[in-house]
Every structure is written in C-alpha cells, then in structure tokens.
Protein backbone atom coordinates (compact mmCIF):
# COMPACT_ATOMS: atom_id res chain seq x y z
CA UNK A 1 -120.47 -4.72 62.68
CA UNK A 2 -119.82 -7.99 60.19
CA UNK A 3 -120.85 -8.11 56.81
CA UNK A 4 -124.20 -9.92 57.25
CA UNK A 5 -125.48 -7.11 59.58
CA UNK A 6 -125.08 -4.70 56.45
CA UNK A 7 -126.27 -6.80 54.40
CA UNK A 8 -130.46 -7.05 56.61
CA UNK A 9 -129.94 -3.56 57.37
CA UNK A 10 -128.84 -2.09 54.19
CA UNK A 11 -131.69 -4.66 53.50
CA UNK A 12 -134.05 -3.62 55.42
CA UNK A 13 -133.46 0.01 54.12
CA UNK A 14 -134.61 -0.81 50.63
CA UNK A 15 -137.56 -2.27 51.79
CA UNK A 16 -138.41 0.03 54.45
CA UNK A 17 -137.81 3.01 52.08
CA UNK A 18 -140.37 1.29 48.95
CA UNK A 19 -136.81 0.79 46.67
CA UNK A 20 -135.79 -2.14 44.26
CA UNK A 21 -135.52 -5.54 45.65
CA UNK A 22 -136.28 -6.96 42.68
CA UNK A 23 -134.57 -6.07 39.26
CA UNK A 24 -130.70 -7.37 39.37
CA UNK A 25 -129.84 -6.24 36.07
CA UNK A 26 -131.41 -2.48 37.94
CA UNK A 27 -129.41 -2.93 40.98
CA UNK A 28 -126.00 -4.26 39.11
CA UNK A 29 -126.49 -0.60 36.89
CA UNK A 30 -126.53 1.09 39.90
CA UNK A 31 -123.70 -0.33 41.36
CA UNK A 32 -121.67 0.25 38.79
CA UNK A 33 -122.77 4.19 38.89
CA UNK A 34 -122.17 4.09 42.81
CA UNK A 35 -118.26 3.01 41.30
CA UNK A 36 -117.78 5.28 39.13
CA UNK A 37 -118.27 7.54 41.64
CA UNK A 38 -116.95 6.14 43.87
CA UNK A 39 -113.46 6.20 40.50
CA UNK A 40 -113.85 9.99 39.59
CA UNK A 41 -114.14 10.60 44.38
CA UNK A 42 -110.85 9.18 43.74
CA UNK A 43 -109.60 11.99 41.80
CA UNK A 44 -111.11 14.76 42.43
CA UNK A 45 -113.23 14.82 45.84
CA UNK A 46 -111.03 12.39 47.96
CA UNK A 47 -112.96 13.46 50.89
CA UNK A 48 -116.05 12.00 49.54
CA UNK A 49 -114.40 8.17 48.88
CA UNK A 50 -115.57 6.84 51.15
CA UNK A 51 -118.68 7.30 51.14
CA UNK A 52 -118.60 6.83 47.48
CA UNK A 53 -117.53 3.23 48.18
CA UNK A 54 -120.04 3.11 51.11
CA UNK A 55 -123.12 3.48 48.87
CA UNK A 56 -121.35 0.25 46.05
CA UNK A 57 -121.11 -1.96 49.15
CA UNK A 58 -124.64 -1.11 50.25
CA UNK A 59 -125.33 -2.04 46.28
CA UNK A 60 -123.00 -4.86 46.41
CA UNK A 61 -125.62 -6.54 49.71
CA UNK A 62 -127.81 -5.65 48.62
CA UNK A 63 -127.69 -7.79 45.31
CA UNK A 64 -126.85 -10.58 47.57
CA UNK A 65 -129.40 -10.72 49.50
CA UNK A 66 -131.71 -10.98 46.16
CA UNK A 67 -130.47 -14.15 44.92
CA UNK A 68 -129.99 -15.58 48.96
CA UNK A 69 -126.31 -14.68 49.25
CA UNK A 70 -124.92 -14.59 52.61
CA UNK A 71 -121.97 -12.55 51.47
CA UNK A 72 -120.12 -12.01 54.80
CA UNK A 73 -119.42 -15.84 54.38
CA UNK A 74 -118.51 -16.14 50.66
CA UNK A 75 -116.05 -13.08 51.78
CA UNK A 76 -114.38 -15.04 54.20
CA UNK A 77 -114.59 -18.40 52.03
CA UNK A 78 -112.72 -16.22 49.30
CA UNK A 79 -109.65 -14.50 51.09
CA UNK A 80 -108.94 -17.93 52.06
CA UNK A 81 -108.85 -19.16 48.54
CA UNK A 82 -106.76 -16.12 47.92
CA UNK A 83 -104.29 -17.33 50.33
CA UNK A 84 -104.05 -20.26 49.73
CA UNK A 85 -102.84 -19.06 45.39
CA UNK A 86 -99.74 -18.87 44.56
CA UNK A 87 -98.06 -16.30 41.58
CA UNK A 88 -95.34 -15.52 39.69
CA UNK A 89 -94.56 -12.95 36.94
CA UNK A 90 -94.43 -13.48 33.77
CA UNK A 91 -91.93 -12.61 31.01
CA UNK A 92 -94.35 -9.05 31.07
CA UNK A 93 -94.39 -8.49 35.16
CA UNK A 94 -97.39 -9.67 35.37
CA UNK A 95 -98.75 -12.12 38.41
CA UNK A 96 -100.26 -14.91 37.21
CA UNK A 97 -101.47 -17.97 38.72
CA UNK A 98 -99.15 -20.85 38.79
CA UNK A 99 -99.86 -24.14 37.62
CA UNK A 100 -99.47 -26.04 41.01
CA UNK A 101 -102.26 -22.83 42.19
CA UNK A 102 -104.79 -24.15 39.90
CA UNK A 103 -104.60 -27.60 40.73
CA UNK A 104 -104.47 -27.41 44.37
CA UNK A 105 -107.19 -25.70 43.65
CA UNK A 106 -109.85 -28.29 41.94
CA UNK A 107 -108.14 -30.88 44.28
C-alpha cells in the first residue's frame, strides 16, 4: 500500500467517524501523544509498538491531508535529498552535514 493510499483511508475514516478534520494544532498534539505512547511501548510493552507507531502515522497522514500535502511525494523527495547529503563526524563524534551538502542543496 502506498503512503498516498494510507493518507486517503485515514482521512476517510476521520470523516466517516466524525473525528476532528479542521483543528491542525489539536492533530499535532494528538500525534505527539501517540509518539509518546510509542516511546513507552518500546520501553515497556514492545509487543504494542507496532500499534502505537501506526497510530502516530495515521495522525501524521491526517495532518498532511488537512494541509493539502501529498505525503507520499514529500517522503520520496526527502529520501532522495537525504541520500545525496554528505555527513562527517565533528570533534564530538556527532554526524553533521558538510558544507558540500549545503552548497549542493542551495544550487
């Protein structure tokens, strides 16, 4: 199933069930709560992690639908952009984008 299909099905379910379809801020708050639940499931109830991640995804695709974002296309573009980035470890050992990456993104 494509992300585009998931986005439509999640939206159709919200409309059919009468869930929020207008308050974007509420959806972000609820998505945040679902991510927190996924974090807790990862730590304490690993068998529930898939359900909690799915809940978070459904809120994210619903936000995309509310704002007219084709999340399928946005994710594909972001994956391509990330694949082209060049990273180096700084003195602290953290990976950071190099100047070559920033220059390539701006051209």
